[in-house]
């Protein structure tokens, strides 16, 4: 984190730093559910092997986010906006 701040401080203003990791397992599980609901429409284009691998990928990533083994950050930089940038969540 400090390396990102150091590398950017001479050119940009760090306006916001947000960790999506705590919510991202929910996103992945929603994708998992929607993918499987859509499978009847997708099955002619993708193999059953692909379906198993993609389900495994989504669930494994969701588990890693839930366990906080991986994280997803969004960093918002600007060149300096008068008054700063307001971020609404």
C-alpha atoms as a PDB file:
ATOM      1  CA  UNK A   1       0.000   0.000   0.000  1.00  0.00           C
ATOM      2  CA  UNK A   2       2.767   2.409   0.890  1.00  0.00           C
ATOM      3  CA  UNK A   3       4.528   1.648  -2.417  1.00  0.00           C
ATOM      4  CA  UNK A   4       1.427   2.640  -4.387  1.00  0.00           C
ATOM      5  CA  UNK A   5       1.083   5.874  -2.427  1.00  0.00           C
ATOM      6  CA  UNK A   6       4.789   6.688  -2.816  1.00  0.00           C
ATOM      7  CA  UNK A   7       4.834   5.962  -6.540  1.00  0.00           C
ATOM      8  CA  UNK A   8       1.806   8.131  -7.227  1.00  0.00           C
ATOM      9  CA  UNK A   9       2.217  11.075  -4.865  1.00  0.00           C
ATOM     10  CA  UNK A  10       4.264  13.259  -7.219  1.00  0.00           C
ATOM     11  CA  UNK A  11       1.710  12.991 -10.051  1.00  0.00           C
ATOM     12  CA  UNK A  12      -1.670  12.161  -8.592  1.00  0.00           C
ATOM     13  CA  UNK A  13      -3.871  12.694  -5.584  1.00  0.00           C
ATOM     14  CA  UNK A  14      -5.223   9.511  -4.068  1.00  0.00           C
ATOM     15  CA  UNK A  15      -8.902  10.374  -3.705  1.00  0.00           C
ATOM     16  CA  UNK A  16     -10.273   7.060  -2.465  1.00  0.00           C
ATOM     17  CA  UNK A  17      -9.172   3.594  -1.455  1.00  0.00           C
ATOM     18  CA  UNK A  18     -11.826   0.903  -1.108  1.00  0.00           C
ATOM     19  CA  UNK A  19     -11.648  -2.783  -0.263  1.00  0.00           C
ATOM     20  CA  UNK A  20     -14.382  -4.730  -2.056  1.00  0.00           C
ATOM     21  CA  UNK A  21     -13.105  -8.047  -0.745  1.00  0.00           C
ATOM     22  CA  UNK A  22     -15.602  -8.365   2.084  1.00  0.00           C
ATOM     23  CA  UNK A  23     -18.489  -8.269  -0.410  1.00  0.00           C
ATOM     24  CA  UNK A  24     -16.899  -9.973  -3.374  1.00  0.00           C
ATOM     25  CA  UNK A  25     -17.731 -13.528  -2.314  1.00  0.00           C
ATOM     26  CA  UNK A  26     -21.419 -12.531  -2.609  1.00  0.00           C
ATOM     27  CA  UNK A  27     -20.773 -11.232  -6.123  1.00  0.00           C
ATOM     28  CA  UNK A  28     -19.046 -14.452  -7.166  1.00  0.00           C
ATOM     29  CA  UNK A  29     -21.821 -16.599  -5.702  1.00  0.00           C
ATOM     30  CA  UNK A  30     -24.427 -14.499  -7.552  1.00  0.00           C
ATOM     31  CA  UNK A  31     -22.491 -15.103 -10.790  1.00  0.00           C
ATOM     32  CA  UNK A  32     -22.398 -18.821  -9.933  1.00  0.00           C
ATOM     33  CA  UNK A  33     -26.166 -18.890  -9.458  1.00  0.00           C
ATOM     34  CA  UNK A  34     -26.884 -16.931 -12.648  1.00  0.00           C
ATOM     35  CA  UNK A  35     -24.449 -19.025 -14.687  1.00  0.00           C
ATOM     36  CA  UNK A  36     -26.166 -22.233 -13.603  1.00  0.00           C
ATOM     37  CA  UNK A  37     -29.637 -20.770 -14.195  1.00  0.00           C
ATOM     38  CA  UNK A  38     -28.540 -19.826 -17.719  1.00  0.00           C
ATOM     39  CA  UNK A  39     -26.871 -23.181 -18.385  1.00  0.00           C
ATOM     40  CA  UNK A  40     -29.706 -24.530 -20.576  1.00  0.00           C
ATOM     41  CA  UNK A  41     -29.093 -21.634 -22.980  1.00  0.00           C
ATOM     42  CA  UNK A  42     -25.286 -21.928 -22.755  1.00  0.00           C
ATOM     43  CA  UNK A  43     -24.901 -25.696 -22.942  1.00  0.00           C
ATOM     44  CA  UNK A  44     -24.811 -25.780 -26.745  1.00  0.00           C
ATOM     45  CA  UNK A  45     -21.774 -23.459 -26.741  1.00  0.00           C
ATOM     46  CA  UNK A  46     -19.813 -24.851 -23.780  1.00  0.00           C
ATOM     47  CA  UNK A  47     -18.913 -28.337 -22.628  1.00  0.00           C
ATOM     48  CA  UNK A  48     -19.881 -29.984 -19.354  1.00  0.00           C
ATOM     49  CA  UNK A  49     -16.177 -29.894 -18.487  1.00  0.00           C
ATOM     50  CA  UNK A  50     -16.146 -26.114 -18.896  1.00  0.00           C
ATOM     51  CA  UNK A  51     -19.230 -25.869 -16.669  1.00  0.00           C
ATOM     52  CA  UNK A  52     -17.562 -27.872 -13.890  1.00  0.00           C
ATOM     53  CA  UNK A  53     -14.322 -25.893 -14.171  1.00  0.00           C
ATOM     54  CA  UNK A  54     -16.122 -22.530 -14.134  1.00  0.00           C
ATOM     55  CA  UNK A  55     -18.264 -23.548 -11.160  1.00  0.00           C
ATOM     56  CA  UNK A  56     -15.135 -24.684  -9.339  1.00  0.00           C
ATOM     57  CA  UNK A  57     -13.371 -21.399 -10.173  1.00  0.00           C
ATOM     58  CA  UNK A  58     -16.266 -19.242  -8.953  1.00  0.00           C
ATOM     59  CA  UNK A  59     -16.710 -21.215  -5.721  1.00  0.00           C
ATOM     60  CA  UNK A  60     -12.970 -21.410  -5.005  1.00  0.00           C
ATOM     61  CA  UNK A  61     -12.570 -17.664  -5.507  1.00  0.00           C
ATOM     62  CA  UNK A  62     -15.634 -16.949  -3.352  1.00  0.00           C
ATOM     63  CA  UNK A  63     -14.158 -19.118  -0.597  1.00  0.00           C
ATOM     64  CA  UNK A  64     -10.804 -17.356  -0.823  1.00  0.00           C
ATOM     65  CA  UNK A  65     -12.482 -13.950  -0.505  1.00  0.00           C
ATOM     66  CA  UNK A  66     -14.629 -15.179   2.385  1.00  0.00           C
ATOM     67  CA  UNK A  67     -11.519 -16.486   4.168  1.00  0.00           C
ATOM     68  CA  UNK A  68      -9.767 -13.181   3.377  1.00  0.00           C
ATOM     69  CA  UNK A  69      -6.961 -15.013   1.608  1.00  0.00           C
ATOM     70  CA  UNK A  70      -7.352 -12.653  -1.362  1.00  0.00           C
ATOM     71  CA  UNK A  71      -8.668  -9.105  -1.633  1.00  0.00           C
ATOM     72  CA  UNK A  72      -9.947  -6.733  -4.274  1.00  0.00           C
ATOM     73  CA  UNK A  73      -9.062  -3.059  -3.977  1.00  0.00           C
ATOM     74  CA  UNK A  74     -10.128  -0.063  -6.005  1.00  0.00           C
ATOM     75  CA  UNK A  75      -7.910   2.990  -5.828  1.00  0.00           C
ATOM     76  CA  UNK A  76      -9.182   6.251  -7.301  1.00  0.00           C
ATOM     77  CA  UNK A  77      -6.608   8.809  -8.394  1.00  0.00           C
ATOM     78  CA  UNK A  78      -7.042  12.277  -9.849  1.00  0.00           C
ATOM     79  CA  UNK A  79      -4.712  14.991 -11.012  1.00  0.00           C
ATOM     80  CA  UNK A  80      -6.130  17.116  -8.231  1.00  0.00           C
ATOM     81  CA  UNK A  81      -9.758  18.127  -8.242  1.00  0.00           C
ATOM     82  CA  UNK A  82     -10.601  21.282  -6.341  1.00  0.00           C
ATOM     83  CA  UNK A  83     -12.539  20.229  -3.266  1.00  0.00           C
ATOM     84  CA  UNK A  84     -11.706  16.576  -3.851  1.00  0.00           C
ATOM     85  CA  UNK A  85     -13.891  13.847  -5.253  1.00  0.00           C
ATOM     86  CA  UNK A  86     -16.867  12.635  -3.263  1.00  0.00           C
ATOM     87  CA  UNK A  87     -17.385   8.911  -3.317  1.00  0.00           C
ATOM     88  CA  UNK A  88     -20.795   7.560  -2.411  1.00  0.00           C
ATOM     89  CA  UNK A  89     -21.259   3.997  -1.261  1.00  0.00           C
END
